[in-house]
Amino acid sequence: LGYSQLTDAHISGLPVNKLQKDGGFLFIWVINAKYKFALDLFKQWGYEMVDEIVWVKLTVNRRLAKSHGFYLQHAKEVCLVARKKGHDDPEGTRYSIGSDIIFSERRGQSQKPEEI
């Protein structure tokens, strides 16, 4: 990779649970190998997973932008959506206000779609 990464220990130590005192949502982009780790983080930080967003990566020619994976070629990324436990949903965030699938061109390395 062309950039440094935080270790799992550094990520676990982030005080995320203190940043949202009145409830809200947390969005985490996750790779397959870190899916369980992300779910454990939600629990540690006081959140519960409520949904996920899938980004289907496309080439400039609108074909699937496949890349290597452990077992299969990947043409998508997943963003997990969690809600802070013990709080009501923030006003205006219910009733299917957005889609759970984004079809968008792959951009630079690790750049996420502008739609989110």
N, C-alpha and C. Protein backbone atom coordinates (compact mmCIF):
# COMPACT_ATOMS: atom_id res chain seq x y z
N LEU A 1 0.83 -1.19 0.00
CA LEU A 1 0.00 0.00 0.00
C LEU A 1 0.87 1.25 0.00
N GLY A 2 0.33 2.31 -0.55
CA GLY A 2 1.06 3.56 -0.61
C GLY A 2 0.82 4.46 0.58
N TYR A 3 0.36 3.89 1.68
CA TYR A 3 0.09 4.68 2.88
C TYR A 3 0.21 3.77 4.10
N SER A 4 0.34 4.37 5.28
CA SER A 4 0.43 3.55 6.49
C SER A 4 -0.97 3.26 7.01
N GLN A 5 -1.06 2.21 7.81
CA GLN A 5 -2.34 1.79 8.37
C GLN A 5 -2.27 1.77 9.88
N LEU A 6 -3.41 1.98 10.52
CA LEU A 6 -3.48 1.84 11.96
C LEU A 6 -3.57 0.35 12.31
N THR A 7 -2.97 -0.02 13.42
CA THR A 7 -3.09 -1.40 13.88
C THR A 7 -4.47 -1.60 14.48
N ASP A 8 -4.87 -2.86 14.63
CA ASP A 8 -6.14 -3.16 15.28
C ASP A 8 -6.18 -2.57 16.69
N ALA A 9 -5.05 -2.64 17.40
CA ALA A 9 -4.99 -2.11 18.77
C ALA A 9 -5.22 -0.59 18.78
N HIS A 10 -4.63 0.12 17.81
CA HIS A 10 -4.84 1.57 17.74
C HIS A 10 -6.31 1.89 17.45
N ILE A 11 -6.90 1.15 16.53
CA ILE A 11 -8.30 1.39 16.19
C ILE A 11 -9.19 1.09 17.40
N SER A 12 -8.93 -0.03 18.08
CA SER A 12 -9.72 -0.40 19.26
C SER A 12 -9.62 0.66 20.36
N GLY A 13 -8.49 1.35 20.42
CA GLY A 13 -8.27 2.35 21.46
C GLY A 13 -8.87 3.71 21.16
N LEU A 14 -9.43 3.90 19.97
CA LEU A 14 -10.04 5.19 19.65
C LEU A 14 -11.27 5.41 20.54
N PRO A 15 -11.44 6.61 21.08
CA PRO A 15 -12.56 6.87 22.01
C PRO A 15 -13.88 7.17 21.29
N VAL A 16 -14.24 6.33 20.34
CA VAL A 16 -15.43 6.57 19.52
C VAL A 16 -16.68 6.68 20.38
N ASN A 17 -16.79 5.87 21.42
CA ASN A 17 -17.98 5.90 22.27
C ASN A 17 -18.19 7.24 22.96
N LYS A 18 -17.15 8.06 23.05
CA LYS A 18 -17.26 9.37 23.71
C LYS A 18 -17.59 10.49 22.72
N LEU A 19 -17.52 10.21 21.43
CA LEU A 19 -17.71 11.25 20.43
C LEU A 19 -19.18 11.54 20.13
N GLN A 20 -20.03 10.55 20.31
CA GLN A 20 -21.47 10.72 20.08
C GLN A 20 -22.19 10.48 21.40
N LYS A 21 -22.55 11.54 22.06
CA LYS A 21 -23.20 11.39 23.37
C LYS A 21 -24.70 11.28 23.25
N ASP A 22 -25.28 11.80 22.19
CA ASP A 22 -26.73 11.81 22.04
C ASP A 22 -27.22 10.82 21.00
N GLY A 23 -26.44 9.86 20.66
CA GLY A 23 -26.83 8.89 19.65
C GLY A 23 -26.35 9.29 18.27
N GLY A 24 -26.55 8.40 17.35
CA GLY A 24 -26.13 8.65 15.98
C GLY A 24 -25.68 7.37 15.32
N PHE A 25 -25.10 7.50 14.17
CA PHE A 25 -24.67 6.35 13.38
C PHE A 25 -23.16 6.35 13.21
N LEU A 26 -22.64 5.17 12.97
CA LEU A 26 -21.23 4.98 12.71
C LEU A 26 -21.12 4.19 11.41
N PHE A 27 -20.31 4.65 10.48
CA PHE A 27 -20.11 3.98 9.20
C PHE A 27 -18.66 3.51 9.14
N ILE A 28 -18.46 2.21 8.89
CA ILE A 28 -17.12 1.66 8.82
C ILE A 28 -16.96 0.83 7.55
N TRP A 29 -16.01 1.24 6.70
CA TRP A 29 -15.67 0.41 5.53
C TRP A 29 -14.86 -0.77 6.04
N VAL A 30 -15.18 -1.97 5.56
CA VAL A 30 -14.55 -3.17 6.11
C VAL A 30 -14.23 -4.16 5.00
N ILE A 31 -13.08 -4.81 5.14
CA ILE A 31 -12.74 -5.90 4.23
C ILE A 31 -13.19 -7.20 4.87
N ASN A 32 -13.33 -8.24 4.06
CA ASN A 32 -13.83 -9.52 4.57
C ASN A 32 -13.08 -10.01 5.80
N ALA A 33 -11.77 -9.91 5.77
CA ALA A 33 -10.95 -10.44 6.87
C ALA A 33 -11.16 -9.68 8.18
N LYS A 34 -11.72 -8.47 8.14
CA LYS A 34 -11.91 -7.65 9.34
C LYS A 34 -13.39 -7.47 9.71
N TYR A 35 -14.26 -8.24 9.10
CA TYR A 35 -15.70 -8.11 9.35
C TYR A 35 -16.02 -8.36 10.83
N LYS A 36 -15.56 -9.46 11.37
CA LYS A 36 -15.83 -9.78 12.78
C LYS A 36 -15.19 -8.75 13.70
N PHE A 37 -14.00 -8.31 13.37
CA PHE A 37 -13.32 -7.28 14.17
C PHE A 37 -14.19 -6.01 14.23
N ALA A 38 -14.77 -5.62 13.10
CA ALA A 38 -15.62 -4.43 13.08
C ALA A 38 -16.86 -4.64 13.95
N LEU A 39 -17.46 -5.82 13.89
CA LEU A 39 -18.63 -6.10 14.74
C LEU A 39 -18.26 -6.05 16.22
N ASP A 40 -17.07 -6.55 16.55
CA ASP A 40 -16.59 -6.48 17.94
C ASP A 40 -16.35 -5.04 18.36
N LEU A 41 -15.86 -4.21 17.44
CA LEU A 41 -15.67 -2.79 17.75
C LEU A 41 -17.00 -2.12 18.05
N PHE A 42 -18.01 -2.42 17.25
CA PHE A 42 -19.33 -1.85 17.50
C PHE A 42 -19.77 -2.15 18.92
N LYS A 43 -19.63 -3.40 19.31
CA LYS A 43 -20.04 -3.81 20.66
C LYS A 43 -19.22 -3.07 21.72
N GLN A 44 -17.91 -3.02 21.52
CA GLN A 44 -17.01 -2.35 22.47
C GLN A 44 -17.37 -0.87 22.62
N TRP A 45 -17.71 -0.24 21.54
CA TRP A 45 -17.99 1.19 21.53
C TRP A 45 -19.45 1.52 21.86
N GLY A 46 -20.30 0.50 22.03
CA GLY A 46 -21.69 0.75 22.39
C GLY A 46 -22.61 0.96 21.21
N TYR A 47 -22.32 0.32 20.10
CA TYR A 47 -23.14 0.42 18.90
C TYR A 47 -23.67 -0.96 18.51
N GLU A 48 -24.74 -0.97 17.70
CA GLU A 48 -25.25 -2.21 17.15
C GLU A 48 -25.37 -2.05 15.64
N MET A 49 -24.99 -3.08 14.90
CA MET A 49 -25.09 -3.03 13.45
C MET A 49 -26.56 -3.02 13.05
N VAL A 50 -26.93 -2.09 12.16
CA VAL A 50 -28.30 -2.00 11.72
C VAL A 50 -28.46 -2.18 10.21
N ASP A 51 -27.37 -2.03 9.46
CA ASP A 51 -27.47 -2.17 8.00
C ASP A 51 -26.08 -2.20 7.40
N GLU A 52 -26.03 -2.34 6.09
CA GLU A 52 -24.76 -2.25 5.38
C GLU A 52 -25.02 -1.63 4.01
N ILE A 53 -23.99 -1.00 3.49
CA ILE A 53 -24.03 -0.41 2.16
C ILE A 53 -23.00 -1.14 1.32
N VAL A 54 -23.38 -1.53 0.12
CA VAL A 54 -22.46 -2.22 -0.77
C VAL A 54 -22.13 -1.31 -1.94
N TRP A 55 -20.85 -1.11 -2.16
CA TRP A 55 -20.38 -0.34 -3.30
C TRP A 55 -19.93 -1.32 -4.37
N VAL A 56 -20.64 -1.34 -5.48
CA VAL A 56 -20.25 -2.15 -6.63
C VAL A 56 -19.33 -1.28 -7.48
N LYS A 57 -18.08 -1.72 -7.58
CA LYS A 57 -17.07 -0.92 -8.28
C LYS A 57 -17.12 -1.17 -9.78
N LEU A 58 -17.14 -0.08 -10.52
CA LEU A 58 -17.21 -0.16 -11.98
C LEU A 58 -15.99 0.47 -12.61
N THR A 59 -15.68 0.03 -13.83
CA THR A 59 -14.63 0.66 -14.61
C THR A 59 -15.23 1.86 -15.34
N VAL A 60 -14.40 2.63 -16.04
CA VAL A 60 -14.91 3.77 -16.81
C VAL A 60 -15.85 3.30 -17.92
N ASN A 61 -15.75 2.04 -18.31
CA ASN A 61 -16.63 1.46 -19.34
C ASN A 61 -17.88 0.81 -18.74
N ARG A 62 -18.12 1.03 -17.44
CA ARG A 62 -19.29 0.53 -16.72
C ARG A 62 -19.30 -0.99 -16.59
N ARG A 63 -18.12 -1.61 -16.60
CA ARG A 63 -18.01 -3.04 -16.32
C ARG A 63 -17.56 -3.21 -14.87
N LEU A 64 -17.73 -4.42 -14.34
CA LEU A 64 -17.27 -4.67 -12.98
C LEU A 64 -15.77 -4.48 -12.88
N ALA A 65 -15.33 -3.74 -11.89
CA ALA A 65 -13.90 -3.51 -11.65
C ALA A 65 -13.42 -4.57 -10.67
N LYS A 66 -13.06 -5.71 -11.17
CA LYS A 66 -12.68 -6.83 -10.32
C LYS A 66 -11.24 -6.68 -9.85
N SER A 67 -11.02 -7.09 -8.61
CA SER A 67 -9.66 -7.13 -8.08
C SER A 67 -9.49 -8.45 -7.35
N HIS A 68 -8.29 -8.71 -6.88
CA HIS A 68 -8.04 -10.01 -6.27
C HIS A 68 -8.61 -10.08 -4.86
N GLY A 69 -9.02 -11.27 -4.51
CA GLY A 69 -9.49 -11.58 -3.17
C GLY A 69 -8.86 -12.90 -2.77
N PHE A 70 -9.16 -13.38 -1.61
CA PHE A 70 -8.56 -14.63 -1.14
C PHE A 70 -9.11 -15.82 -1.91
N TYR A 71 -10.44 -15.87 -2.06
CA TYR A 71 -11.06 -16.97 -2.78
C TYR A 71 -11.67 -16.53 -4.11
N LEU A 72 -12.29 -15.37 -4.12
CA LEU A 72 -12.99 -14.88 -5.30
C LEU A 72 -12.44 -13.52 -5.71
N GLN A 73 -12.70 -13.15 -6.96
CA GLN A 73 -12.36 -11.80 -7.39
C GLN A 73 -13.40 -10.85 -6.82
N HIS A 74 -12.94 -9.76 -6.23
CA HIS A 74 -13.85 -8.81 -5.59
C HIS A 74 -14.15 -7.64 -6.53
N ALA A 75 -15.42 -7.29 -6.58
CA ALA A 75 -15.84 -6.12 -7.35
C ALA A 75 -16.73 -5.23 -6.48
N LYS A 76 -16.58 -5.38 -5.16
CA LYS A 76 -17.42 -4.60 -4.25
C LYS A 76 -16.65 -4.32 -2.97
N GLU A 77 -17.15 -3.33 -2.24
CA GLU A 77 -16.69 -3.06 -0.88
C GLU A 77 -17.92 -2.87 -0.03
N VAL A 78 -17.78 -3.14 1.27
CA VAL A 78 -18.91 -3.07 2.19
C VAL A 78 -18.63 -2.01 3.26
N CYS A 79 -19.65 -1.22 3.52
CA CYS A 79 -19.63 -0.24 4.59
C CYS A 79 -20.70 -0.64 5.61
N LEU A 80 -20.27 -0.99 6.80
CA LEU A 80 -21.21 -1.39 7.85
C LEU A 80 -21.79 -0.13 8.51
N VAL A 81 -23.07 -0.18 8.82
CA VAL A 81 -23.76 0.93 9.45
C VAL A 81 -24.23 0.49 10.83
N ALA A 82 -23.83 1.22 11.85
CA ALA A 82 -24.21 0.88 13.22
C ALA A 82 -24.86 2.09 13.88
N ARG A 83 -25.72 1.79 14.85
CA ARG A 83 -26.44 2.83 15.59
C ARG A 83 -26.04 2.75 17.05
N LYS A 84 -25.87 3.90 17.67
CA LYS A 84 -25.52 3.93 19.10
C LYS A 84 -26.66 3.35 19.92
N LYS A 85 -26.32 2.38 20.77
CA LYS A 85 -27.34 1.71 21.59
C LYS A 85 -27.90 2.67 22.65
N GLY A 86 -29.17 2.43 22.98
CA GLY A 86 -29.80 3.19 24.06
C GLY A 86 -30.27 4.57 23.67
N HIS A 87 -30.27 4.88 22.37
CA HIS A 87 -30.71 6.20 21.91
C HIS A 87 -31.69 6.03 20.77
N ASP A 88 -32.58 6.98 20.63
CA ASP A 88 -33.49 7.00 19.49
C ASP A 88 -32.70 7.34 18.24
N ASP A 89 -33.24 6.94 17.10
CA ASP A 89 -32.61 7.32 15.83
C ASP A 89 -32.69 8.84 15.67
N PRO A 90 -31.64 9.44 15.15
CA PRO A 90 -31.71 10.88 14.90
C PRO A 90 -32.88 11.19 13.95
N GLU A 91 -33.49 12.33 14.15
CA GLU A 91 -34.64 12.73 13.35
C GLU A 91 -34.30 12.72 11.86
N GLY A 92 -35.22 12.19 11.06
CA GLY A 92 -35.05 12.19 9.61
C GLY A 92 -34.18 11.06 9.07
N THR A 93 -33.87 10.06 9.88
CA THR A 93 -32.96 9.00 9.42
C THR A 93 -33.66 7.65 9.24
N ARG A 94 -34.97 7.61 9.27
CA ARG A 94 -35.68 6.34 9.14
C ARG A 94 -36.46 6.29 7.84
N TYR A 95 -36.98 5.13 7.58
CA TYR A 95 -37.89 4.92 6.46
C TYR A 95 -37.23 4.99 5.09
N SER A 96 -36.12 4.28 4.96
CA SER A 96 -35.51 4.04 3.65
C SER A 96 -35.19 5.31 2.87
N ILE A 97 -34.42 6.18 3.48
CA ILE A 97 -34.11 7.45 2.82
C ILE A 97 -33.01 7.32 1.77
N GLY A 98 -32.31 6.21 1.74
CA GLY A 98 -31.25 6.02 0.76
C GLY A 98 -31.15 4.56 0.37
N SER A 99 -30.40 4.29 -0.67
CA SER A 99 -30.23 2.91 -1.15
C SER A 99 -29.05 2.25 -0.44
N ASP A 100 -29.11 0.92 -0.36
CA ASP A 100 -28.01 0.19 0.25
C ASP A 100 -26.98 -0.28 -0.77
N ILE A 101 -27.19 0.10 -2.03
CA ILE A 101 -26.24 -0.26 -3.09
C ILE A 101 -25.84 0.99 -3.85
N ILE A 102 -24.54 1.13 -4.05
CA ILE A 102 -23.99 2.22 -4.85
C ILE A 102 -23.25 1.61 -6.03
N PHE A 103 -23.61 2.01 -7.24
CA PHE A 103 -22.88 1.63 -8.44
C PHE A 103 -22.06 2.85 -8.84
N SER A 104 -20.74 2.73 -8.77
CA SER A 104 -19.90 3.89 -9.01
C SER A 104 -18.53 3.45 -9.50
N GLU A 105 -17.91 4.32 -10.27
CA GLU A 105 -16.57 4.02 -10.78
C GLU A 105 -15.55 3.94 -9.67
N ARG A 106 -14.65 2.98 -9.82
CA ARG A 106 -13.50 2.88 -8.92
C ARG A 106 -12.60 4.06 -9.23
N ARG A 107 -12.09 4.67 -8.17
CA ARG A 107 -11.22 5.83 -8.33
C ARG A 107 -9.81 5.44 -7.92
N GLY A 108 -9.08 6.33 -7.29
CA GLY A 108 -7.72 6.02 -6.86
C GLY A 108 -7.70 4.99 -5.74
N GLN A 109 -6.52 4.51 -5.41
CA GLN A 109 -6.35 3.48 -4.40
C GLN A 109 -6.99 3.90 -3.08
N SER A 110 -7.89 3.07 -2.57
CA SER A 110 -8.60 3.25 -1.30
C SER A 110 -9.56 4.43 -1.27
N GLN A 111 -9.76 5.11 -2.40
CA GLN A 111 -10.74 6.19 -2.43
C GLN A 111 -12.13 5.59 -2.49
N LYS A 112 -13.01 6.08 -1.68
CA LYS A 112 -14.38 5.59 -1.61
C LYS A 112 -15.26 6.43 -2.54
N PRO A 113 -16.46 5.94 -2.85
CA PRO A 113 -17.33 6.69 -3.79
C PRO A 113 -17.79 8.00 -3.20
N GLU A 114 -17.97 8.98 -4.05
CA GLU A 114 -18.43 10.29 -3.62
C GLU A 114 -19.87 10.26 -3.14
N GLU A 115 -20.60 9.23 -3.50
CA GLU A 115 -22.02 9.14 -3.13
C GLU A 115 -22.24 8.92 -1.63
N ILE A 116 -21.20 8.59 -0.92
CA ILE A 116 -21.36 8.41 0.52
C ILE A 116 -20.33 9.24 1.26
